[in-house]
């Protein structure tokens, strides 16, 4: 069943079906929340808050538009609000394991983890306007048009931020790549490789 049809049924009194929405989006929203919090517990709490906020706002969802875009608009705004109010706790590198496949030797696995942590750290260090679009594009696989809808801005603005964000990110990671390391950086849905 499509998201939009499921929402229609939920709004007609079948609230228990919201659990299916949570199941569909939980891991993605958690990953987004973790990007901002860098803490497992805070990310879990933030994810739960996002789902509660979305449930309480379901009546405002306009049928005919994309539910995932609407949900991510709530999620990103909530995460940005959180990050402006709180300083993230120390980074917990082990949770980036779920971003990448676990195949290969232990050494390969460690290098993937190290690269993932380095890329995420570099993205987080960018100004918010760039880190958000890079997160949504590279790690959540949204198109520039979808990101524009999520951020309530123009597609051209998103493309400009992606271009500038990639440039800043390349500069941030350049010293490592120039040293010969990271030549086989892992990709998330094939896009991180485009940074090079």
C-alpha atoms as a PDB file:
ATOM      1  CA  UNK A   1       0.000   0.000   0.000  1.00  0.00           C
ATOM      2  CA  UNK A   2       1.322   3.451  -0.934  1.00  0.00           C
ATOM      3  CA  UNK A   3       2.121   5.937   1.823  1.00  0.00           C
ATOM      4  CA  UNK A   4      -0.572   8.357   0.737  1.00  0.00           C
ATOM      5  CA  UNK A   5      -3.310   5.685   0.839  1.00  0.00           C
ATOM      6  CA  UNK A   6      -2.095   4.530   4.236  1.00  0.00           C
ATOM      7  CA  UNK A   7      -2.264   8.103   5.548  1.00  0.00           C
ATOM      8  CA  UNK A   8      -5.817   8.446   4.241  1.00  0.00           C
ATOM      9  CA  UNK A   9      -6.857   5.321   6.160  1.00  0.00           C
ATOM     10  CA  UNK A  10      -5.063   6.516   9.309  1.00  0.00           C
ATOM     11  CA  UNK A  11      -6.846   9.859   9.134  1.00  0.00           C
ATOM     12  CA  UNK A  12     -10.163   8.019   8.909  1.00  0.00           C
ATOM     13  CA  UNK A  13      -9.682   6.562  12.384  1.00  0.00           C
ATOM     14  CA  UNK A  14      -7.228   3.685  11.951  1.00  0.00           C
ATOM     15  CA  UNK A  15      -4.370   5.234  13.919  1.00  0.00           C
ATOM     16  CA  UNK A  16      -2.828   1.863  14.719  1.00  0.00           C
ATOM     17  CA  UNK A  17      -1.647   1.683  11.096  1.00  0.00           C
ATOM     18  CA  UNK A  18       0.781   4.511  11.831  1.00  0.00           C
ATOM     19  CA  UNK A  19       3.104   1.784  13.117  1.00  0.00           C
ATOM     20  CA  UNK A  20       3.614   0.775   9.484  1.00  0.00           C
ATOM     21  CA  UNK A  21       4.745   4.315   8.604  1.00  0.00           C
ATOM     22  CA  UNK A  22       7.163   4.201  11.518  1.00  0.00           C
ATOM     23  CA  UNK A  23       8.534   0.872  10.316  1.00  0.00           C
ATOM     24  CA  UNK A  24       9.020   2.177   6.767  1.00  0.00           C
ATOM     25  CA  UNK A  25      10.953   5.295   7.760  1.00  0.00           C
ATOM     26  CA  UNK A  26      12.507   4.561  11.143  1.00  0.00           C
ATOM     27  CA  UNK A  27      16.020   3.619  10.021  1.00  0.00           C
ATOM     28  CA  UNK A  28      16.297   6.511   7.556  1.00  0.00           C
ATOM     29  CA  UNK A  29      15.059   9.092  10.026  1.00  0.00           C
ATOM     30  CA  UNK A  30      17.323   7.670  12.716  1.00  0.00           C
ATOM     31  CA  UNK A  31      20.300   8.026  10.374  1.00  0.00           C
ATOM     32  CA  UNK A  32      19.332  11.645   9.695  1.00  0.00           C
ATOM     33  CA  UNK A  33      18.892  12.361  13.407  1.00  0.00           C
ATOM     34  CA  UNK A  34      22.231  10.733  14.188  1.00  0.00           C
ATOM     35  CA  UNK A  35      23.925  12.987  11.654  1.00  0.00           C
ATOM     36  CA  UNK A  36      22.868  15.945  13.788  1.00  0.00           C
ATOM     37  CA  UNK A  37      23.222  14.471  17.290  1.00  0.00           C
ATOM     38  CA  UNK A  38      26.244  12.146  16.989  1.00  0.00           C
ATOM     39  CA  UNK A  39      24.776  10.229  19.919  1.00  0.00           C
ATOM     40  CA  UNK A  40      22.731   7.025  19.874  1.00  0.00           C
ATOM     41  CA  UNK A  41      20.294   7.938  22.628  1.00  0.00           C
ATOM     42  CA  UNK A  42      19.744  11.491  21.406  1.00  0.00           C
ATOM     43  CA  UNK A  43      19.164  10.195  17.874  1.00  0.00           C
ATOM     44  CA  UNK A  44      16.603   7.672  19.137  1.00  0.00           C
ATOM     45  CA  UNK A  45      14.811  10.358  21.141  1.00  0.00           C
ATOM     46  CA  UNK A  46      14.859  12.753  18.213  1.00  0.00           C
ATOM     47  CA  UNK A  47      13.521  10.083  15.847  1.00  0.00           C
ATOM     48  CA  UNK A  48      10.652   9.357  18.230  1.00  0.00           C
ATOM     49  CA  UNK A  49       9.891  13.075  18.556  1.00  0.00           C
ATOM     50  CA  UNK A  50       9.824  13.407  14.761  1.00  0.00           C
ATOM     51  CA  UNK A  51       7.306  10.579  14.408  1.00  0.00           C
ATOM     52  CA  UNK A  52       5.112  12.044  17.148  1.00  0.00           C
ATOM     53  CA  UNK A  53       5.269  15.479  15.559  1.00  0.00           C
ATOM     54  CA  UNK A  54       4.430  14.034  12.131  1.00  0.00           C
ATOM     55  CA  UNK A  55       1.496  12.028  13.565  1.00  0.00           C
ATOM     56  CA  UNK A  56       0.077  15.129  15.250  1.00  0.00           C
ATOM     57  CA  UNK A  57       0.434  17.027  11.955  1.00  0.00           C
ATOM     58  CA  UNK A  58      -1.006  14.384   9.616  1.00  0.00           C
ATOM     59  CA  UNK A  59      -4.134  16.414   8.985  1.00  0.00           C
ATOM     60  CA  UNK A  60      -1.894  19.041   7.364  1.00  0.00           C
ATOM     61  CA  UNK A  61      -0.473  16.587   4.845  1.00  0.00           C
ATOM     62  CA  UNK A  62      -1.730  17.512   1.397  1.00  0.00           C
ATOM     63  CA  UNK A  63      -2.754  14.519  -0.651  1.00  0.00           C
ATOM     64  CA  UNK A  64      -1.192  14.464  -4.065  1.00  0.00           C
ATOM     65  CA  UNK A  65       2.222  15.432  -2.722  1.00  0.00           C
ATOM     66  CA  UNK A  66       4.978  13.084  -1.624  1.00  0.00           C
ATOM     67  CA  UNK A  67       4.628  11.859   1.955  1.00  0.00           C
ATOM     68  CA  UNK A  68       8.360  11.138   2.282  1.00  0.00           C
ATOM     69  CA  UNK A  69       9.188  14.723   1.284  1.00  0.00           C
ATOM     70  CA  UNK A  70       6.631  16.055   3.785  1.00  0.00           C
ATOM     71  CA  UNK A  71       8.016  13.793   6.533  1.00  0.00           C
ATOM     72  CA  UNK A  72      11.613  14.779   5.829  1.00  0.00           C
ATOM     73  CA  UNK A  73      10.685  18.461   5.950  1.00  0.00           C
ATOM     74  CA  UNK A  74       9.453  17.883   9.505  1.00  0.00           C
ATOM     75  CA  UNK A  75      12.514  15.774  10.335  1.00  0.00           C
ATOM     76  CA  UNK A  76      15.125  18.194   9.007  1.00  0.00           C
ATOM     77  CA  UNK A  77      13.489  21.214  10.644  1.00  0.00           C
ATOM     78  CA  UNK A  78      13.236  19.361  13.957  1.00  0.00           C
ATOM     79  CA  UNK A  79      16.884  18.257  13.754  1.00  0.00           C
ATOM     80  CA  UNK A  80      18.071  21.760  12.904  1.00  0.00           C
ATOM     81  CA  UNK A  81      16.098  23.153  15.854  1.00  0.00           C
ATOM     82  CA  UNK A  82      17.665  20.509  18.098  1.00  0.00           C
ATOM     83  CA  UNK A  83      21.200  21.248  16.883  1.00  0.00           C
ATOM     84  CA  UNK A  84      20.753  24.961  17.508  1.00  0.00           C
ATOM     85  CA  UNK A  85      19.694  24.300  21.092  1.00  0.00           C
ATOM     86  CA  UNK A  86      22.149  21.569  22.059  1.00  0.00           C
ATOM     87  CA  UNK A  87      25.754  20.716  21.473  1.00  0.00           C
ATOM     88  CA  UNK A  88      26.204  17.153  20.248  1.00  0.00           C
ATOM     89  CA  UNK A  89      27.931  14.676  22.515  1.00  0.00           C
ATOM     90  CA  UNK A  90      31.108  12.855  21.530  1.00  0.00           C
ATOM     91  CA  UNK A  91      30.947  11.038  18.208  1.00  0.00           C
ATOM     92  CA  UNK A  92      30.228   7.285  18.439  1.00  0.00           C
ATOM     93  CA  UNK A  93      31.982   5.886  15.392  1.00  0.00           C
ATOM     94  CA  UNK A  94      30.586   2.361  15.668  1.00  0.00           C
ATOM     95  CA  UNK A  95      27.110   3.399  14.534  1.00  0.00           C
ATOM     96  CA  UNK A  96      28.275   4.335  11.035  1.00  0.00           C
ATOM     97  CA  UNK A  97      28.636   0.608  10.361  1.00  0.00           C
ATOM     98  CA  UNK A  98      25.056   0.421   9.098  1.00  0.00           C
ATOM     99  CA  UNK A  99      25.833   2.917   6.323  1.00  0.00           C
ATOM    100  CA  UNK A 100      28.028   0.448   4.477  1.00  0.00           C
ATOM    101  CA  UNK A 101      28.100  -3.199   3.521  1.00  0.00           C
ATOM    102  CA  UNK A 102      29.920  -5.511   5.915  1.00  0.00           C
ATOM    103  CA  UNK A 103      31.579  -7.754   3.328  1.00  0.00           C
ATOM    104  CA  UNK A 104      35.349  -8.089   2.994  1.00  0.00           C
ATOM    105  CA  UNK A 105      38.157  -8.647   5.448  1.00  0.00           C
ATOM    106  CA  UNK A 106      38.251  -7.083   8.926  1.00  0.00           C
ATOM    107  CA  UNK A 107      40.837  -4.634   7.588  1.00  0.00           C
ATOM    108  CA  UNK A 108      38.536  -3.631   4.724  1.00  0.00           C
ATOM    109  CA  UNK A 109      35.672  -3.236   7.172  1.00  0.00           C
ATOM    110  CA  UNK A 110      37.786  -1.011   9.429  1.00  0.00           C
ATOM    111  CA  UNK A 111      38.863   1.154   6.486  1.00  0.00           C
ATOM    112  CA  UNK A 112      35.231   1.550   5.405  1.00  0.00           C
ATOM    113  CA  UNK A 113      34.286   2.605   8.922  1.00  0.00           C
ATOM    114  CA  UNK A 114      37.191   5.023   9.080  1.00  0.00           C
ATOM    115  CA  UNK A 115      36.287   6.541   5.701  1.00  0.00           C
ATOM    116  CA  UNK A 116      32.591   6.781   6.590  1.00  0.00           C
ATOM    117  CA  UNK A 117      33.410   8.529   9.869  1.00  0.00           C
ATOM    118  CA  UNK A 118      35.797  10.896   8.095  1.00  0.00           C
ATOM    119  CA  UNK A 119      33.280  11.807   5.381  1.00  0.00           C
ATOM    120  CA  UNK A 120      30.455  12.295   7.880  1.00  0.00           C
ATOM    121  CA  UNK A 121      32.697  14.380  10.110  1.00  0.00           C
ATOM    122  CA  UNK A 122      33.691  16.565   7.176  1.00  0.00           C
ATOM    123  CA  UNK A 123      30.043  16.996   6.128  1.00  0.00           C
ATOM    124  CA  UNK A 124      29.052  17.935   9.696  1.00  0.00           C
ATOM    125  CA  UNK A 125      31.826  20.525   9.862  1.00  0.00           C
ATOM    126  CA  UNK A 126      30.369  22.446   6.902  1.00  0.00           C
ATOM    127  CA  UNK A 127      27.923  25.329   7.374  1.00  0.00           C
ATOM    128  CA  UNK A 128      24.413  24.013   7.945  1.00  0.00           C
ATOM    129  CA  UNK A 129      23.056  25.142   4.560  1.00  0.00           C
ATOM    130  CA  UNK A 130      25.590  22.883   2.848  1.00  0.00           C
ATOM    131  CA  UNK A 131      25.680  19.958   5.270  1.00  0.00           C
ATOM    132  CA  UNK A 132      21.905  19.527   5.102  1.00  0.00           C
ATOM    133  CA  UNK A 133      21.722  19.313   1.309  1.00  0.00           C
ATOM    134  CA  UNK A 134      24.749  16.988   1.172  1.00  0.00           C
ATOM    135  CA  UNK A 135      23.176  14.739   3.798  1.00  0.00           C
ATOM    136  CA  UNK A 136      19.867  14.536   1.938  1.00  0.00           C
ATOM    137  CA  UNK A 137      21.481  14.042  -1.464  1.00  0.00           C
ATOM    138  CA  UNK A 138      24.365  11.676  -0.722  1.00  0.00           C
ATOM    139  CA  UNK A 139      23.135   9.731   2.290  1.00  0.00           C
ATOM    140  CA  UNK A 140      19.339   9.787   1.865  1.00  0.00           C
ATOM    141  CA  UNK A 141      19.245   9.656  -1.963  1.00  0.00           C
ATOM    142  CA  UNK A 142      16.849  12.559  -2.514  1.00  0.00           C
ATOM    143  CA  UNK A 143      16.913  14.405  -5.827  1.00  0.00           C
ATOM    144  CA  UNK A 144      17.589  18.166  -5.940  1.00  0.00           C
ATOM    145  CA  UNK A 145      13.887  18.710  -6.685  1.00  0.00           C
ATOM    146  CA  UNK A 146      12.859  16.688  -3.625  1.00  0.00           C
ATOM    147  CA  UNK A 147      15.414  18.476  -1.450  1.00  0.00           C
ATOM    148  CA  UNK A 148      14.024  21.806  -2.659  1.00  0.00           C
ATOM    149  CA  UNK A 149      10.561  20.689  -1.548  1.00  0.00           C
ATOM    150  CA  UNK A 150      11.881  19.516   1.827  1.00  0.00           C
ATOM    151  CA  UNK A 151      13.750  22.773   2.458  1.00  0.00           C
ATOM    152  CA  UNK A 152      11.037  24.935   0.884  1.00  0.00           C
ATOM    153  CA  UNK A 153      13.453  26.565  -1.531  1.00  0.00           C
ATOM    154  CA  UNK A 154      14.172  26.467  -5.255  1.00  0.00           C
ATOM    155  CA  UNK A 155      15.831  23.610  -7.101  1.00  0.00           C
ATOM    156  CA  UNK A 156      18.447  26.060  -8.361  1.00  0.00           C
ATOM    157  CA  UNK A 157      19.320  27.052  -4.788  1.00  0.00           C
ATOM    158  CA  UNK A 158      19.742  23.388  -3.865  1.00  0.00           C
ATOM    159  CA  UNK A 159      21.963  22.764  -6.900  1.00  0.00           C
ATOM    160  CA  UNK A 160      24.097  25.787  -5.981  1.00  0.00           C
ATOM    161  CA  UNK A 161      24.430  24.551  -2.395  1.00  0.00           C
ATOM    162  CA  UNK A 162      25.328  21.063  -3.615  1.00  0.00           C
ATOM    163  CA  UNK A 163      27.998  22.500  -5.902  1.00  0.00           C
ATOM    164  CA  UNK A 164      29.498  24.725  -3.202  1.00  0.00           C
ATOM    165  CA  UNK A 165      29.130  22.047  -0.540  1.00  0.00           C
ATOM    166  CA  UNK A 166      30.962  19.488  -2.699  1.00  0.00           C
ATOM    167  CA  UNK A 167      33.743  22.006  -3.283  1.00  0.00           C
ATOM    168  CA  UNK A 168      34.098  22.689   0.447  1.00  0.00           C
ATOM    169  CA  UNK A 169      33.970  18.987   1.230  1.00  0.00           C
ATOM    170  CA  UNK A 170      36.626  18.156  -1.386  1.00  0.00           C
ATOM    171  CA  UNK A 171      38.875  20.826   0.091  1.00  0.00           C
ATOM    172  CA  UNK A 172      38.288  19.422   3.574  1.00  0.00           C
ATOM    173  CA  UNK A 173      39.209  15.881   2.496  1.00  0.00           C
ATOM    174  CA  UNK A 174      41.909  16.780  -0.049  1.00  0.00           C
ATOM    175  CA  UNK A 175      44.901  16.256   2.204  1.00  0.00           C
ATOM    176  CA  UNK A 176      43.874  12.661   2.934  1.00  0.00           C
ATOM    177  CA  UNK A 177      43.229  11.854  -0.713  1.00  0.00           C
ATOM    178  CA  UNK A 178      46.476  13.484  -1.817  1.00  0.00           C
ATOM    179  CA  UNK A 179      48.298  11.225   0.625  1.00  0.00           C
ATOM    180  CA  UNK A 180      47.162   8.197  -1.351  1.00  0.00           C
ATOM    181  CA  UNK A 181      44.667   7.026   1.235  1.00  0.00           C
ATOM    182  CA  UNK A 182      40.963   6.911   0.643  1.00  0.00           C
ATOM    183  CA  UNK A 183      41.277   6.089  -3.038  1.00  0.00           C
ATOM    184  CA  UNK A 184      38.745   3.306  -2.516  1.00  0.00           C
ATOM    185  CA  UNK A 185      36.342   5.270  -0.380  1.00  0.00           C
ATOM    186  CA  UNK A 186      33.020   3.479   0.062  1.00  0.00           C
ATOM    187  CA  UNK A 187      29.945   4.883  -1.545  1.00  0.00           C
ATOM    188  CA  UNK A 188      26.483   5.360  -0.116  1.00  0.00           C
ATOM    189  CA  UNK A 189      24.053   4.506  -2.926  1.00  0.00           C
ATOM    190  CA  UNK A 190      26.843   5.232  -5.415  1.00  0.00           C
ATOM    191  CA  UNK A 191      26.980   8.959  -4.785  1.00  0.00           C
ATOM    192  CA  UNK A 192      29.845   9.614  -2.397  1.00  0.00           C
ATOM    193  CA  UNK A 193      32.249   8.678  -5.187  1.00  0.00           C
ATOM    194  CA  UNK A 194      31.047  11.735  -7.102  1.00  0.00           C
ATOM    195  CA  UNK A 195      32.737  13.964  -4.528  1.00  0.00           C
ATOM    196  CA  UNK A 196      36.143  13.078  -5.948  1.00  0.00           C
END
